[in-house]
């Protein structure tokens, strides 16, 4: 009986591994398909120039693109909302700008106290991530409106 259970478990593990090996390429492809073009461009840029200066330049360029994306999403969302929603979005965005500015000051304060060139690209990346998350949040609001409209 134990041997039968062992063989069953052994075969189950084998089948699971085969199934995972078949599904893994699909999962990777789905992940790649979900990668935002700005992130893809950043990855290509840093692959071409992985030096500290290269990473800083690439991440700074991505930061600027995310900021543009954020502003585009804000304008688009503002145009689609009714007056009460516009006022709420404006208020939320002003609060977010205050948050962003304070967070950037905190990031700068922390990284100013740390020695090492590896922290230079990390600093700009942290700032970029904050802007990226807001751009994606606004895009998510737009997606919801798109889905809700007939």
N, C-alpha and C. Protein backbone atom coordinates (compact mmCIF):
# COMPACT_ATOMS: atom_id res chain seq x y z
N UNK A 1 0.83 -1.19 0.00
CA UNK A 1 0.00 0.00 0.00
C UNK A 1 0.88 1.26 0.00
N UNK A 2 1.91 1.24 0.87
CA UNK A 2 2.81 2.39 0.92
C UNK A 2 3.50 2.61 -0.42
N UNK A 3 3.91 1.50 -1.03
CA UNK A 3 4.58 1.59 -2.32
C UNK A 3 3.64 2.19 -3.37
N UNK A 4 2.40 1.82 -3.36
CA UNK A 4 1.41 2.35 -4.32
C UNK A 4 1.23 3.86 -4.10
N UNK A 5 1.15 4.26 -2.85
CA UNK A 5 1.01 5.69 -2.54
C UNK A 5 2.26 6.45 -2.99
N UNK A 6 3.43 5.86 -2.72
CA UNK A 6 4.68 6.48 -3.14
C UNK A 6 4.73 6.64 -4.66
N UNK A 7 4.38 5.59 -5.40
CA UNK A 7 4.38 5.65 -6.87
C UNK A 7 3.38 6.67 -7.38
N UNK A 8 2.21 6.71 -6.75
CA UNK A 8 1.19 7.68 -7.14
C UNK A 8 1.72 9.11 -6.95
N UNK A 9 2.34 9.36 -5.78
CA UNK A 9 2.87 10.70 -5.50
C UNK A 9 4.01 11.03 -6.45
N UNK A 10 4.86 10.07 -6.71
CA UNK A 10 5.99 10.27 -7.61
C UNK A 10 5.48 10.63 -9.01
N UNK A 11 4.48 9.89 -9.49
CA UNK A 11 3.90 10.17 -10.81
C UNK A 11 3.17 11.51 -10.81
N UNK A 12 2.51 11.84 -9.72
CA UNK A 12 1.80 13.12 -9.63
C UNK A 12 2.77 14.29 -9.72
N UNK A 13 3.89 14.15 -9.03
CA UNK A 13 4.92 15.19 -9.09
C UNK A 13 5.46 15.30 -10.51
N UNK A 14 5.68 14.18 -11.14
CA UNK A 14 6.19 14.16 -12.51
C UNK A 14 5.19 14.86 -13.45
N UNK A 15 3.91 14.55 -13.31
CA UNK A 15 2.88 15.18 -14.15
C UNK A 15 2.80 16.68 -13.88
N UNK A 16 2.92 17.05 -12.63
CA UNK A 16 2.89 18.47 -12.26
C UNK A 16 4.07 19.21 -12.89
N UNK A 17 5.24 18.60 -12.87
CA UNK A 17 6.42 19.23 -13.47
C UNK A 17 6.26 19.38 -14.98
N UNK A 18 5.70 18.37 -15.62
CA UNK A 18 5.45 18.46 -17.07
C UNK A 18 4.45 19.58 -17.35
N UNK A 19 3.38 19.64 -16.57
CA UNK A 19 2.38 20.68 -16.75
C UNK A 19 2.98 22.06 -16.56
N UNK A 20 3.78 22.23 -15.53
CA UNK A 20 4.44 23.52 -15.28
C UNK A 20 5.38 23.89 -16.42
N UNK A 21 6.10 22.91 -16.94
CA UNK A 21 7.02 23.21 -18.05
C UNK A 21 6.26 23.63 -19.29
N UNK A 22 5.04 23.14 -19.45
CA UNK A 22 4.22 23.55 -20.59
C UNK A 22 3.60 24.92 -20.39
N UNK A 23 3.24 25.23 -19.16
CA UNK A 23 2.59 26.50 -18.87
C UNK A 23 3.55 27.66 -18.68
N UNK A 24 4.77 27.39 -18.26
CA UNK A 24 5.72 28.45 -17.95
C UNK A 24 5.95 29.41 -19.11
N UNK A 25 6.18 28.92 -20.33
CA UNK A 25 6.36 29.88 -21.44
C UNK A 25 5.15 30.78 -21.64
N UNK A 26 3.95 30.25 -21.43
CA UNK A 26 2.74 31.05 -21.56
C UNK A 26 2.70 32.12 -20.48
N UNK A 27 3.06 31.75 -19.26
CA UNK A 27 3.06 32.71 -18.16
C UNK A 27 4.10 33.80 -18.40
N UNK A 28 5.26 33.44 -18.89
CA UNK A 28 6.31 34.41 -19.18
C UNK A 28 5.85 35.35 -20.29
N UNK A 29 5.23 34.79 -21.33
CA UNK A 29 4.73 35.61 -22.44
C UNK A 29 3.66 36.58 -21.96
N UNK A 30 2.79 36.11 -21.08
CA UNK A 30 1.75 36.99 -20.55
C UNK A 30 2.36 38.12 -19.74
N UNK A 31 3.40 37.82 -18.97
CA UNK A 31 4.08 38.85 -18.18
C UNK A 31 4.74 39.86 -19.09
N UNK A 32 5.41 39.37 -20.15
CA UNK A 32 6.06 40.28 -21.09
C UNK A 32 5.04 41.15 -21.80
N UNK A 33 3.88 40.58 -22.13
CA UNK A 33 2.84 41.35 -22.80
C UNK A 33 2.30 42.45 -21.91
N UNK A 34 2.36 42.25 -20.60
CA UNK A 34 1.84 43.24 -19.66
C UNK A 34 2.88 44.31 -19.32
N UNK A 35 4.11 44.15 -19.74
CA UNK A 35 5.14 45.12 -19.44
C UNK A 35 4.86 46.40 -20.21
N UNK A 36 4.82 47.50 -19.50
CA UNK A 36 4.54 48.79 -20.11
C UNK A 36 5.68 49.18 -21.05
N UNK A 37 5.38 49.84 -22.16
CA UNK A 37 6.43 50.26 -23.10
C UNK A 37 7.54 51.10 -22.46
N UNK A 38 7.20 51.90 -21.47
CA UNK A 38 8.23 52.70 -20.80
C UNK A 38 9.21 51.78 -20.07
N UNK A 39 8.67 50.76 -19.41
CA UNK A 39 9.53 49.80 -18.70
C UNK A 39 10.37 49.00 -19.69
N UNK A 40 9.79 48.64 -20.83
CA UNK A 40 10.55 47.92 -21.85
C UNK A 40 11.71 48.78 -22.35
N UNK A 41 11.43 50.06 -22.61
CA UNK A 41 12.47 50.98 -23.09
C UNK A 41 13.56 51.13 -22.04
N UNK A 42 13.19 51.21 -20.79
CA UNK A 42 14.17 51.33 -19.71
C UNK A 42 15.06 50.09 -19.67
N UNK A 43 14.45 48.93 -19.78
CA UNK A 43 15.22 47.68 -19.75
C UNK A 43 16.20 47.62 -20.92
N UNK A 44 15.75 47.98 -22.10
CA UNK A 44 16.63 47.97 -23.28
C UNK A 44 17.77 48.96 -23.10
N UNK A 45 17.44 50.13 -22.60
CA UNK A 45 18.44 51.18 -22.39
C UNK A 45 19.51 50.74 -21.39
N UNK A 46 19.08 50.18 -20.26
CA UNK A 46 20.06 49.77 -19.25
C UNK A 46 20.84 48.53 -19.69
N UNK A 47 20.24 47.70 -20.55
CA UNK A 47 21.00 46.57 -21.09
C UNK A 47 22.12 47.06 -22.00
N UNK A 48 21.85 48.14 -22.74
CA UNK A 48 22.86 48.71 -23.63
C UNK A 48 23.97 49.42 -22.86
N UNK A 49 23.62 50.03 -21.74
CA UNK A 49 24.61 50.79 -20.97
C UNK A 49 24.39 50.53 -19.48
N UNK A 50 24.94 49.42 -18.96
CA UNK A 50 24.71 49.06 -17.57
C UNK A 50 25.62 49.78 -16.56
N UNK A 51 26.39 50.78 -17.01
CA UNK A 51 27.22 51.53 -16.08
C UNK A 51 26.34 52.35 -15.15
N UNK A 52 26.91 52.85 -14.09
CA UNK A 52 26.14 53.69 -13.16
C UNK A 52 25.57 54.89 -13.90
N UNK A 53 26.40 55.58 -14.67
CA UNK A 53 25.92 56.75 -15.43
C UNK A 53 24.84 56.34 -16.42
N UNK A 54 25.03 55.20 -17.07
CA UNK A 54 24.03 54.72 -18.02
C UNK A 54 22.70 54.43 -17.35
N UNK A 55 22.76 53.75 -16.20
CA UNK A 55 21.52 53.45 -15.48
C UNK A 55 20.82 54.72 -15.03
N UNK A 56 21.60 55.70 -14.57
CA UNK A 56 21.01 56.97 -14.13
C UNK A 56 20.34 57.67 -15.31
N UNK A 57 21.04 57.74 -16.43
CA UNK A 57 20.47 58.40 -17.61
C UNK A 57 19.22 57.69 -18.11
N UNK A 58 19.27 56.37 -18.16
CA UNK A 58 18.12 55.59 -18.62
C UNK A 58 16.93 55.76 -17.68
N UNK A 59 17.19 55.69 -16.38
CA UNK A 59 16.11 55.81 -15.40
C UNK A 59 15.55 57.21 -15.38
N UNK A 60 16.41 58.20 -15.55
CA UNK A 60 15.94 59.59 -15.62
C UNK A 60 15.03 59.78 -16.84
N UNK A 61 15.41 59.19 -17.97
CA UNK A 61 14.57 59.28 -19.17
C UNK A 61 13.23 58.59 -18.92
N UNK A 62 13.25 57.43 -18.26
CA UNK A 62 12.01 56.72 -17.94
C UNK A 62 11.16 57.54 -16.96
N UNK A 63 11.82 58.17 -15.98
CA UNK A 63 11.11 59.04 -15.04
C UNK A 63 10.35 60.13 -15.79
N UNK A 64 11.01 60.77 -16.74
CA UNK A 64 10.38 61.84 -17.52
C UNK A 64 9.21 61.30 -18.34
N UNK A 65 9.37 60.11 -18.90
CA UNK A 65 8.27 59.50 -19.68
C UNK A 65 7.09 59.16 -18.77
N UNK A 66 7.38 58.63 -17.57
CA UNK A 66 6.29 58.33 -16.64
C UNK A 66 5.58 59.61 -16.20
N UNK A 67 6.35 60.69 -16.03
CA UNK A 67 5.74 61.97 -15.67
C UNK A 67 4.83 62.45 -16.80
N UNK A 68 5.27 62.29 -18.03
CA UNK A 68 4.43 62.66 -19.17
C UNK A 68 3.17 61.79 -19.21
N UNK A 69 3.34 60.50 -18.94
CA UNK A 69 2.20 59.57 -18.92
C UNK A 69 1.21 59.97 -17.81
N UNK A 70 1.74 60.31 -16.66
CA UNK A 70 0.90 60.75 -15.55
C UNK A 70 0.09 61.97 -15.95
N UNK A 71 0.75 62.96 -16.54
CA UNK A 71 0.05 64.19 -16.93
C UNK A 71 -0.98 63.93 -18.03
N UNK A 72 -0.65 63.06 -18.98
CA UNK A 72 -1.61 62.70 -20.03
C UNK A 72 -2.84 62.02 -19.42
N UNK A 73 -2.62 61.08 -18.50
CA UNK A 73 -3.72 60.38 -17.86
C UNK A 73 -4.56 61.34 -17.02
N UNK A 74 -3.91 62.27 -16.35
CA UNK A 74 -4.63 63.26 -15.55
C UNK A 74 -5.54 64.11 -16.45
N UNK A 75 -4.99 64.62 -17.54
CA UNK A 75 -5.78 65.46 -18.46
C UNK A 75 -6.95 64.67 -19.06
N UNK A 76 -6.68 63.43 -19.44
CA UNK A 76 -7.74 62.61 -20.04
C UNK A 76 -8.83 62.32 -19.02
N UNK A 77 -8.45 61.99 -17.82
CA UNK A 77 -9.42 61.71 -16.76
C UNK A 77 -10.19 62.97 -16.42
N UNK A 78 -9.52 64.08 -16.33
CA UNK A 78 -10.17 65.35 -16.02
C UNK A 78 -11.24 65.67 -17.08
N UNK A 79 -10.94 65.40 -18.33
CA UNK A 79 -11.88 65.68 -19.42
C UNK A 79 -13.11 64.77 -19.37
N UNK A 80 -12.98 63.62 -18.76
CA UNK A 80 -14.09 62.66 -18.76
C UNK A 80 -14.97 62.75 -17.52
N UNK A 81 -14.52 63.45 -16.50
CA UNK A 81 -15.29 63.51 -15.26
C UNK A 81 -16.29 64.66 -15.27
N UNK A 82 -17.33 64.48 -14.46
CA UNK A 82 -18.31 65.55 -14.25
C UNK A 82 -17.69 66.55 -13.28
N UNK A 83 -18.29 67.74 -13.15
CA UNK A 83 -17.68 68.79 -12.31
C UNK A 83 -17.28 68.35 -10.90
N UNK A 84 -18.13 67.60 -10.23
CA UNK A 84 -17.79 67.16 -8.86
C UNK A 84 -16.57 66.23 -8.89
N UNK A 85 -16.52 65.34 -9.86
CA UNK A 85 -15.39 64.44 -10.00
C UNK A 85 -14.12 65.19 -10.34
N UNK A 86 -14.24 66.22 -11.17
CA UNK A 86 -13.08 67.03 -11.53
C UNK A 86 -12.48 67.69 -10.30
N UNK A 87 -13.35 68.20 -9.44
CA UNK A 87 -12.87 68.85 -8.22
C UNK A 87 -12.17 67.84 -7.31
N UNK A 88 -12.73 66.65 -7.21
CA UNK A 88 -12.11 65.61 -6.38
C UNK A 88 -10.77 65.17 -6.95
N UNK A 89 -10.71 65.02 -8.27
CA UNK A 89 -9.45 64.63 -8.90
C UNK A 89 -8.40 65.71 -8.69
N UNK A 90 -8.78 66.96 -8.86
CA UNK A 90 -7.83 68.06 -8.67
C UNK A 90 -7.31 68.06 -7.22
N UNK A 91 -8.21 67.90 -6.27
CA UNK A 91 -7.82 67.88 -4.86
C UNK A 91 -6.89 66.68 -4.58
N UNK A 92 -7.26 65.52 -5.11
CA UNK A 92 -6.43 64.33 -4.90
C UNK A 92 -5.05 64.51 -5.53
N UNK A 93 -5.02 65.13 -6.71
CA UNK A 93 -3.73 65.31 -7.38
C UNK A 93 -2.86 66.30 -6.62
N UNK A 94 -3.45 67.36 -6.10
CA UNK A 94 -2.67 68.32 -5.31
C UNK A 94 -2.13 67.66 -4.04
N UNK A 95 -2.93 66.82 -3.42
CA UNK A 95 -2.46 66.09 -2.25
C UNK A 95 -1.34 65.12 -2.63
N UNK A 96 -1.49 64.47 -3.78
CA UNK A 96 -0.46 63.54 -4.24
C UNK A 96 0.85 64.29 -4.52
N UNK A 97 0.76 65.48 -5.10
CA UNK A 97 1.96 66.27 -5.38
C UNK A 97 2.68 66.62 -4.08
N UNK A 98 1.92 66.97 -3.06
CA UNK A 98 2.52 67.24 -1.74
C UNK A 98 3.20 65.98 -1.21
N UNK A 99 2.51 64.86 -1.31
CA UNK A 99 3.09 63.57 -0.90
C UNK A 99 4.38 63.30 -1.67
N UNK A 100 4.31 63.43 -3.00
CA UNK A 100 5.48 63.17 -3.85
C UNK A 100 6.66 64.03 -3.44
N UNK A 101 6.43 65.32 -3.29
CA UNK A 101 7.51 66.23 -2.93
C UNK A 101 8.13 65.87 -1.58
N UNK A 102 7.29 65.54 -0.61
CA UNK A 102 7.81 65.14 0.70
C UNK A 102 8.54 63.81 0.63
N UNK A 103 8.02 62.90 -0.14
CA UNK A 103 8.67 61.59 -0.29
C UNK A 103 10.03 61.76 -0.97
N UNK A 104 10.10 62.63 -1.98
CA UNK A 104 11.38 62.89 -2.66
C UNK A 104 12.39 63.49 -1.69
N UNK A 105 11.95 64.39 -0.82
CA UNK A 105 12.85 64.96 0.18
C UNK A 105 13.37 63.88 1.13
N UNK A 106 12.48 62.98 1.53
CA UNK A 106 12.89 61.88 2.40
C UNK A 106 13.89 60.97 1.69
N UNK A 107 13.59 60.62 0.46
CA UNK A 107 14.51 59.78 -0.33
C UNK A 107 15.88 60.44 -0.43
N UNK A 108 15.89 61.73 -0.76
CA UNK A 108 17.16 62.45 -0.88
C UNK A 108 17.90 62.47 0.45
N UNK A 109 17.20 62.67 1.53
CA UNK A 109 17.82 62.71 2.84
C UNK A 109 18.46 61.37 3.18
N UNK A 110 17.75 60.29 2.90
CA UNK A 110 18.28 58.96 3.20
C UNK A 110 19.49 58.65 2.33
N UNK A 111 19.37 58.89 1.03
CA UNK A 111 20.47 58.55 0.13
C UNK A 111 21.66 59.48 0.28
N UNK A 112 21.44 60.70 0.74
CA UNK A 112 22.57 61.60 0.99
C UNK A 112 23.48 61.07 2.10
N UNK A 113 22.91 60.24 2.98
CA UNK A 113 23.67 59.70 4.11
C UNK A 113 24.39 58.39 3.78
N UNK A 114 24.21 57.90 2.55
CA UNK A 114 24.77 56.61 2.17
C UNK A 114 25.88 56.82 1.14
N UNK A 115 26.98 56.12 1.33
CA UNK A 115 28.12 56.20 0.40
C UNK A 115 28.03 55.04 -0.61
N UNK A 116 28.47 55.31 -1.82
CA UNK A 116 28.55 54.26 -2.83
C UNK A 116 27.81 54.62 -4.10
N UNK A 117 28.44 54.32 -5.22
CA UNK A 117 27.84 54.68 -6.51
C UNK A 117 26.59 53.88 -6.83
N UNK A 118 26.45 52.70 -6.25
CA UNK A 118 25.26 51.89 -6.55
C UNK A 118 23.98 52.56 -6.06
N UNK A 119 24.11 53.47 -5.10
CA UNK A 119 22.93 54.13 -4.56
C UNK A 119 22.44 55.27 -5.44
N UNK A 120 23.26 55.72 -6.37
CA UNK A 120 22.86 56.82 -7.25
C UNK A 120 21.69 56.39 -8.14
N UNK A 121 21.79 55.26 -8.88
CA UNK A 121 20.64 54.85 -9.68
C UNK A 121 19.46 54.39 -8.82
N UNK A 122 19.74 53.88 -7.64
CA UNK A 122 18.64 53.46 -6.76
C UNK A 122 17.78 54.65 -6.35
N UNK A 123 18.41 55.79 -6.11
CA UNK A 123 17.68 57.00 -5.71
C UNK A 123 16.71 57.43 -6.80
N UNK A 124 17.20 57.53 -8.03
CA UNK A 124 16.33 57.98 -9.12
C UNK A 124 15.25 56.93 -9.41
N UNK A 125 15.58 55.65 -9.23
CA UNK A 125 14.59 54.60 -9.45
C UNK A 125 13.46 54.71 -8.44
N UNK A 126 13.78 54.97 -7.19
CA UNK A 126 12.73 55.12 -6.17
C UNK A 126 11.79 56.27 -6.53
N UNK A 127 12.35 57.36 -7.00
CA UNK A 127 11.52 58.50 -7.39
C UNK A 127 10.67 58.15 -8.61
N UNK A 128 11.28 57.46 -9.57
CA UNK A 128 10.53 57.07 -10.76
C UNK A 128 9.36 56.18 -10.39
N UNK A 129 9.58 55.24 -9.45
CA UNK A 129 8.52 54.31 -9.05
C UNK A 129 7.31 55.04 -8.47
N UNK A 130 7.56 56.11 -7.74
CA UNK A 130 6.46 56.89 -7.15
C UNK A 130 5.61 57.51 -8.26
N UNK A 131 6.26 58.10 -9.25
CA UNK A 131 5.54 58.73 -10.36
C UNK A 131 4.85 57.67 -11.21
N UNK A 132 5.53 56.57 -11.44
CA UNK A 132 4.96 55.47 -12.22
C UNK A 132 3.67 54.97 -11.57
N UNK A 133 3.70 54.74 -10.26
CA UNK A 133 2.52 54.23 -9.57
C UNK A 133 1.33 55.17 -9.69
N UNK A 134 1.59 56.48 -9.64
CA UNK A 134 0.49 57.44 -9.79
C UNK A 134 -0.04 57.42 -11.22
N UNK A 135 0.85 57.35 -12.19
CA UNK A 135 0.44 57.28 -13.60
C UNK A 135 -0.43 56.05 -13.83
N UNK A 136 -0.03 54.93 -13.26
CA UNK A 136 -0.79 53.69 -13.42
C UNK A 136 -2.12 53.74 -12.67
N UNK A 137 -2.15 54.42 -11.53
CA UNK A 137 -3.41 54.56 -10.79
C UNK A 137 -4.41 55.38 -11.60
N UNK A 138 -3.94 56.46 -12.21
CA UNK A 138 -4.83 57.28 -13.04
C UNK A 138 -5.28 56.49 -14.26
N UNK A 139 -4.38 55.71 -14.85
CA UNK A 139 -4.75 54.87 -15.99
C UNK A 139 -5.80 53.84 -15.59
N UNK A 140 -5.68 53.31 -14.39
CA UNK A 140 -6.66 52.35 -13.89
C UNK A 140 -8.04 52.98 -13.76
N UNK A 141 -8.09 54.23 -13.30
CA UNK A 141 -9.38 54.95 -13.23
C UNK A 141 -9.97 55.10 -14.62
N UNK A 142 -9.13 55.43 -15.59
CA UNK A 142 -9.61 55.56 -16.97
C UNK A 142 -10.12 54.23 -17.50
N UNK A 143 -9.42 53.16 -17.21
CA UNK A 143 -9.85 51.82 -17.64
C UNK A 143 -11.21 51.48 -17.06
N UNK A 144 -11.43 51.85 -15.80
CA UNK A 144 -12.72 51.58 -15.17
C UNK A 144 -13.83 52.34 -15.87
N UNK A 145 -13.57 53.59 -16.19
CA UNK A 145 -14.57 54.37 -16.91
C UNK A 145 -14.87 53.75 -18.28
N UNK A 146 -13.82 53.29 -18.95
CA UNK A 146 -14.00 52.64 -20.26
C UNK A 146 -14.87 51.40 -20.14
N UNK A 147 -14.61 50.60 -19.12
CA UNK A 147 -15.38 49.36 -18.92
C UNK A 147 -16.82 49.64 -18.54
N UNK A 148 -17.07 50.74 -17.83
CA UNK A 148 -18.40 51.05 -17.34
C UNK A 148 -19.28 51.68 -18.42
N UNK A 149 -18.66 52.26 -19.43
CA UNK A 149 -19.44 52.91 -20.48
C UNK A 149 -20.00 51.89 -21.45
N UNK A 150 -21.26 52.13 -21.88
CA UNK A 150 -21.88 51.18 -22.82
C UNK A 150 -21.27 51.25 -24.20
